[in-house]
Amino acid sequence: MNPELPDLNSQTAADEMASRTANFLTTFLLGLAVIAPLVLLVMSIMSGKFLWLTVLDLIGTYTGLLIMLRGYRDDNRALKRWGASTHAVTLLLCLVVLAILQ
């Protein structure tokens, strides 16, 4: 390797901080994705209403998360995108239908 050329693999402090911030936000959103359907299910059980809708939401959300996990495992960007959109659409549709039916 030529000593006059700069090392292109080194990260600056700003790059490292941006990477940590992105990882934190990803972890936070995934944690929220796991907890939100469970909270909706508990609220549905306590109120005794719309249990069928929240169970469908739970199934759809966790299916999307499993697809996204498979995408991370296979390093497949399309699966990651498909799983994240499945999760988001399922949760959003559940919340919209709950708001309409209330």
N, C-alpha and C. Protein backbone atom coordinates (compact mmCIF):
# COMPACT_ATOMS: atom_id res chain seq x y z
N MET A 1 0.85 -1.18 0.00
CA MET A 1 0.00 0.00 0.00
C MET A 1 0.89 1.24 0.00
N ASN A 2 0.52 2.21 -0.76
CA ASN A 2 1.28 3.43 -0.90
C ASN A 2 1.06 4.29 0.35
N PRO A 3 2.11 4.68 1.06
CA PRO A 3 1.94 5.46 2.28
C PRO A 3 1.44 6.88 2.02
N GLU A 4 1.49 7.34 0.78
CA GLU A 4 1.02 8.69 0.49
C GLU A 4 -0.50 8.77 0.37
N LEU A 5 -1.14 7.64 0.14
CA LEU A 5 -2.59 7.63 -0.01
C LEU A 5 -3.26 7.58 1.37
N PRO A 6 -4.33 8.31 1.53
CA PRO A 6 -5.02 8.27 2.83
C PRO A 6 -5.77 6.95 3.01
N ASP A 7 -5.95 6.57 4.25
CA ASP A 7 -6.69 5.37 4.57
C ASP A 7 -8.19 5.67 4.42
N LEU A 8 -8.85 5.00 3.49
CA LEU A 8 -10.26 5.29 3.21
C LEU A 8 -11.21 4.56 4.14
N ASN A 9 -10.71 3.62 4.92
CA ASN A 9 -11.57 2.85 5.80
C ASN A 9 -11.73 3.46 7.20
N SER A 10 -10.97 4.47 7.50
CA SER A 10 -11.07 5.06 8.83
C SER A 10 -12.31 5.94 8.93
N GLN A 11 -12.96 5.87 10.08
CA GLN A 11 -14.15 6.69 10.31
C GLN A 11 -13.77 7.92 11.12
N THR A 12 -14.39 9.02 10.77
CA THR A 12 -14.19 10.23 11.56
C THR A 12 -15.13 10.17 12.75
N ALA A 13 -14.94 11.08 13.65
CA ALA A 13 -15.80 11.13 14.84
C ALA A 13 -17.24 11.43 14.46
N ALA A 14 -17.44 12.26 13.47
CA ALA A 14 -18.80 12.60 13.04
C ALA A 14 -19.50 11.38 12.42
N ASP A 15 -18.75 10.60 11.63
CA ASP A 15 -19.31 9.39 11.03
C ASP A 15 -19.70 8.38 12.10
N GLU A 16 -18.84 8.24 13.09
CA GLU A 16 -19.11 7.29 14.16
C GLU A 16 -20.33 7.73 14.98
N MET A 17 -20.45 9.01 15.24
CA MET A 17 -21.60 9.52 15.99
C MET A 17 -22.89 9.35 15.19
N ALA A 18 -22.85 9.59 13.89
CA ALA A 18 -24.03 9.40 13.05
C ALA A 18 -24.43 7.93 13.01
N SER A 19 -23.46 7.05 12.98
CA SER A 19 -23.74 5.61 12.97
C SER A 19 -24.38 5.18 14.29
N ARG A 20 -23.88 5.69 15.40
CA ARG A 20 -24.47 5.36 16.71
C ARG A 20 -25.88 5.90 16.83
N THR A 21 -26.11 7.10 16.34
CA THR A 21 -27.45 7.69 16.39
C THR A 21 -28.42 6.88 15.55
N ALA A 22 -28.00 6.48 14.37
CA ALA A 22 -28.86 5.68 13.50
C ALA A 22 -29.16 4.33 14.14
N ASN A 23 -28.17 3.71 14.75
CA ASN A 23 -28.39 2.43 15.43
C ASN A 23 -29.33 2.58 16.61
N PHE A 24 -29.20 3.66 17.36
CA PHE A 24 -30.10 3.90 18.49
C PHE A 24 -31.53 4.07 18.01
N LEU A 25 -31.73 4.88 16.97
CA LEU A 25 -33.08 5.11 16.47
C LEU A 25 -33.69 3.82 15.90
N THR A 26 -32.89 3.03 15.22
CA THR A 26 -33.38 1.76 14.69
C THR A 26 -33.79 0.83 15.82
N THR A 27 -32.97 0.73 16.85
CA THR A 27 -33.29 -0.12 17.99
C THR A 27 -34.54 0.38 18.70
N PHE A 28 -34.67 1.68 18.86
CA PHE A 28 -35.84 2.26 19.51
C PHE A 28 -37.12 1.95 18.72
N LEU A 29 -37.06 2.14 17.40
CA LEU A 29 -38.24 1.88 16.57
C LEU A 29 -38.60 0.40 16.55
N LEU A 30 -37.61 -0.47 16.52
CA LEU A 30 -37.91 -1.90 16.56
C LEU A 30 -38.49 -2.30 17.91
N GLY A 31 -38.00 -1.72 18.98
CA GLY A 31 -38.59 -1.98 20.30
C GLY A 31 -40.02 -1.52 20.38
N LEU A 32 -40.29 -0.36 19.81
CA LEU A 32 -41.65 0.16 19.76
C LEU A 32 -42.54 -0.74 18.91
N ALA A 33 -41.97 -1.28 17.84
CA ALA A 33 -42.73 -2.17 16.95
C ALA A 33 -43.10 -3.47 17.66
N VAL A 34 -42.29 -3.91 18.57
CA VAL A 34 -42.60 -5.14 19.31
C VAL A 34 -43.64 -4.86 20.39
N ILE A 35 -43.56 -3.71 21.03
CA ILE A 35 -44.42 -3.42 22.18
C ILE A 35 -45.80 -2.88 21.78
N ALA A 36 -45.89 -2.10 20.73
CA ALA A 36 -47.15 -1.44 20.35
C ALA A 36 -48.30 -2.42 20.12
N PRO A 37 -48.13 -3.52 19.39
CA PRO A 37 -49.25 -4.45 19.21
C PRO A 37 -49.67 -5.13 20.51
N LEU A 38 -48.69 -5.37 21.39
CA LEU A 38 -49.02 -5.98 22.68
C LEU A 38 -49.83 -5.03 23.54
N VAL A 39 -49.48 -3.75 23.51
CA VAL A 39 -50.24 -2.75 24.27
C VAL A 39 -51.67 -2.66 23.73
N LEU A 40 -51.81 -2.66 22.41
CA LEU A 40 -53.15 -2.65 21.82
C LEU A 40 -53.94 -3.89 22.20
N LEU A 41 -53.29 -5.04 22.25
CA LEU A 41 -53.97 -6.27 22.62
C LEU A 41 -54.44 -6.22 24.07
N VAL A 42 -53.59 -5.74 24.97
CA VAL A 42 -53.97 -5.62 26.38
C VAL A 42 -55.14 -4.64 26.54
N MET A 43 -55.09 -3.51 25.83
CA MET A 43 -56.19 -2.55 25.91
C MET A 43 -57.47 -3.16 25.37
N SER A 44 -57.37 -3.95 24.32
CA SER A 44 -58.54 -4.58 23.74
C SER A 44 -59.13 -5.62 24.68
N ILE A 45 -58.28 -6.39 25.33
CA ILE A 45 -58.77 -7.39 26.29
C ILE A 45 -59.42 -6.72 27.48
N MET A 46 -58.83 -5.64 27.97
CA MET A 46 -59.39 -4.94 29.13
C MET A 46 -60.73 -4.30 28.80
N SER A 47 -60.88 -3.77 27.59
CA SER A 47 -62.14 -3.13 27.24
C SER A 47 -63.16 -4.13 26.72
N GLY A 48 -62.70 -5.28 26.25
CA GLY A 48 -63.60 -6.28 25.74
C GLY A 48 -64.11 -5.98 24.34
N LYS A 49 -63.50 -5.04 23.65
CA LYS A 49 -63.93 -4.65 22.31
C LYS A 49 -62.81 -4.89 21.31
N PHE A 50 -63.21 -5.21 20.10
CA PHE A 50 -62.30 -5.28 18.95
C PHE A 50 -61.11 -6.21 19.16
N LEU A 51 -61.35 -7.31 19.85
CA LEU A 51 -60.27 -8.27 20.07
C LEU A 51 -59.82 -8.87 18.75
N TRP A 52 -60.75 -9.11 17.85
CA TRP A 52 -60.42 -9.70 16.56
C TRP A 52 -59.48 -8.80 15.76
N LEU A 53 -59.70 -7.50 15.85
CA LEU A 53 -58.88 -6.56 15.10
C LEU A 53 -57.46 -6.49 15.64
N THR A 54 -57.34 -6.48 16.95
CA THR A 54 -56.00 -6.38 17.52
C THR A 54 -55.22 -7.69 17.36
N VAL A 55 -55.92 -8.82 17.34
CA VAL A 55 -55.23 -10.09 17.08
C VAL A 55 -54.72 -10.11 15.64
N LEU A 56 -55.55 -9.64 14.70
CA LEU A 56 -55.08 -9.54 13.31
C LEU A 56 -53.90 -8.58 13.19
N ASP A 57 -53.94 -7.50 13.93
CA ASP A 57 -52.83 -6.56 13.93
C ASP A 57 -51.57 -7.21 14.50
N LEU A 58 -51.72 -7.96 15.57
CA LEU A 58 -50.59 -8.64 16.18
C LEU A 58 -49.95 -9.62 15.19
N ILE A 59 -50.79 -10.39 14.50
CA ILE A 59 -50.29 -11.35 13.52
C ILE A 59 -49.58 -10.63 12.36
N GLY A 60 -50.22 -9.60 11.82
CA GLY A 60 -49.63 -8.87 10.71
C GLY A 60 -48.35 -8.15 11.07
N THR A 61 -48.32 -7.57 12.25
CA THR A 61 -47.14 -6.83 12.69
C THR A 61 -45.95 -7.77 12.90
N TYR A 62 -46.17 -8.87 13.59
CA TYR A 62 -45.07 -9.79 13.84
C TYR A 62 -44.64 -10.52 12.57
N THR A 63 -45.57 -10.72 11.64
CA THR A 63 -45.18 -11.28 10.34
C THR A 63 -44.24 -10.31 9.63
N GLY A 64 -44.59 -9.03 9.63
CA GLY A 64 -43.72 -8.02 9.02
C GLY A 64 -42.35 -7.96 9.69
N LEU A 65 -42.33 -8.07 11.01
CA LEU A 65 -41.05 -8.05 11.72
C LEU A 65 -40.21 -9.28 11.40
N LEU A 66 -40.86 -10.44 11.26
CA LEU A 66 -40.11 -11.65 10.90
C LEU A 66 -39.56 -11.57 9.48
N ILE A 67 -40.34 -10.99 8.57
CA ILE A 67 -39.85 -10.79 7.20
C ILE A 67 -38.65 -9.85 7.22
N MET A 68 -38.73 -8.80 8.01
CA MET A 68 -37.63 -7.85 8.09
C MET A 68 -36.39 -8.50 8.72
N LEU A 69 -36.59 -9.32 9.72
CA LEU A 69 -35.48 -10.04 10.35
C LEU A 69 -34.81 -10.98 9.35
N ARG A 70 -35.63 -11.64 8.54
CA ARG A 70 -35.08 -12.52 7.51
C ARG A 70 -34.27 -11.70 6.49
N GLY A 71 -34.74 -10.50 6.19
CA GLY A 71 -34.00 -9.63 5.28
C GLY A 71 -32.66 -9.23 5.84
N TYR A 72 -32.60 -8.95 7.15
CA TYR A 72 -31.32 -8.62 7.78
C TYR A 72 -30.39 -9.83 7.78
N ARG A 73 -30.97 -10.99 8.02
CA ARG A 73 -30.16 -12.20 8.07
C ARG A 73 -29.56 -12.53 6.69
N ASP A 74 -30.38 -12.37 5.64
CA ASP A 74 -29.92 -12.68 4.28
C ASP A 74 -29.27 -11.48 3.60
N ASP A 75 -29.24 -10.35 4.27
CA ASP A 75 -28.73 -9.10 3.71
C ASP A 75 -29.45 -8.76 2.40
N ASN A 76 -30.78 -8.87 2.47
CA ASN A 76 -31.65 -8.62 1.32
C ASN A 76 -32.42 -7.33 1.59
N ARG A 77 -32.11 -6.32 0.85
CA ARG A 77 -32.71 -5.00 1.07
C ARG A 77 -34.21 -4.99 0.78
N ALA A 78 -34.63 -5.75 -0.24
CA ALA A 78 -36.04 -5.79 -0.60
C ALA A 78 -36.87 -6.42 0.53
N LEU A 79 -36.36 -7.47 1.15
CA LEU A 79 -37.08 -8.09 2.27
C LEU A 79 -37.16 -7.15 3.46
N LYS A 80 -36.10 -6.41 3.71
CA LYS A 80 -36.12 -5.44 4.81
C LYS A 80 -37.21 -4.40 4.58
N ARG A 81 -37.26 -3.87 3.36
CA ARG A 81 -38.24 -2.86 3.02
C ARG A 81 -39.66 -3.43 3.07
N TRP A 82 -39.83 -4.64 2.54
CA TRP A 82 -41.14 -5.28 2.52
C TRP A 82 -41.64 -5.55 3.95
N GLY A 83 -40.76 -6.04 4.82
CA GLY A 83 -41.15 -6.32 6.20
C GLY A 83 -41.50 -5.05 6.97
N ALA A 84 -40.70 -4.01 6.79
CA ALA A 84 -40.97 -2.75 7.49
C ALA A 84 -42.27 -2.13 7.01
N SER A 85 -42.52 -2.19 5.71
CA SER A 85 -43.77 -1.61 5.21
C SER A 85 -44.97 -2.44 5.63
N THR A 86 -44.83 -3.77 5.70
CA THR A 86 -45.92 -4.62 6.17
C THR A 86 -46.26 -4.29 7.61
N HIS A 87 -45.24 -4.14 8.42
CA HIS A 87 -45.47 -3.80 9.83
C HIS A 87 -46.16 -2.44 9.95
N ALA A 88 -45.65 -1.46 9.26
CA ALA A 88 -46.19 -0.11 9.38
C ALA A 88 -47.62 -0.02 8.86
N VAL A 89 -47.89 -0.64 7.73
CA VAL A 89 -49.24 -0.59 7.14
C VAL A 89 -50.23 -1.32 8.03
N THR A 90 -49.85 -2.47 8.57
CA THR A 90 -50.74 -3.23 9.43
C THR A 90 -51.10 -2.43 10.68
N LEU A 91 -50.10 -1.85 11.31
CA LEU A 91 -50.35 -1.07 12.52
C LEU A 91 -51.19 0.17 12.21
N LEU A 92 -50.88 0.84 11.12
CA LEU A 92 -51.63 2.04 10.75
C LEU A 92 -53.09 1.70 10.42
N LEU A 93 -53.31 0.64 9.67
CA LEU A 93 -54.69 0.23 9.35
C LEU A 93 -55.47 -0.14 10.60
N CYS A 94 -54.82 -0.82 11.53
CA CYS A 94 -55.50 -1.16 12.78
C CYS A 94 -55.92 0.09 13.54
N LEU A 95 -55.02 1.05 13.64
CA LEU A 95 -55.34 2.28 14.38
C LEU A 95 -56.44 3.07 13.68
N VAL A 96 -56.43 3.11 12.35
CA VAL A 96 -57.46 3.83 11.61
C VAL A 96 -58.82 3.16 11.78
N VAL A 97 -58.86 1.83 11.67
CA VAL A 97 -60.13 1.11 11.84
C VAL A 97 -60.64 1.26 13.27
N LEU A 98 -59.76 1.20 14.25
CA LEU A 98 -60.18 1.40 15.64
C LEU A 98 -60.77 2.81 15.83
N ALA A 99 -60.15 3.79 15.22
CA ALA A 99 -60.67 5.16 15.34
C ALA A 99 -62.03 5.30 14.66
N ILE A 100 -62.21 4.62 13.53
CA ILE A 100 -63.49 4.72 12.81
C ILE A 100 -64.59 3.99 13.57
N LEU A 101 -64.28 2.81 14.12
CA LEU A 101 -65.30 2.01 14.78
C LEU A 101 -65.65 2.52 16.17
N GLN A 102 -64.86 3.37 16.75
CA GLN A 102 -65.15 3.87 18.10
C GLN A 102 -66.25 4.83 18.05
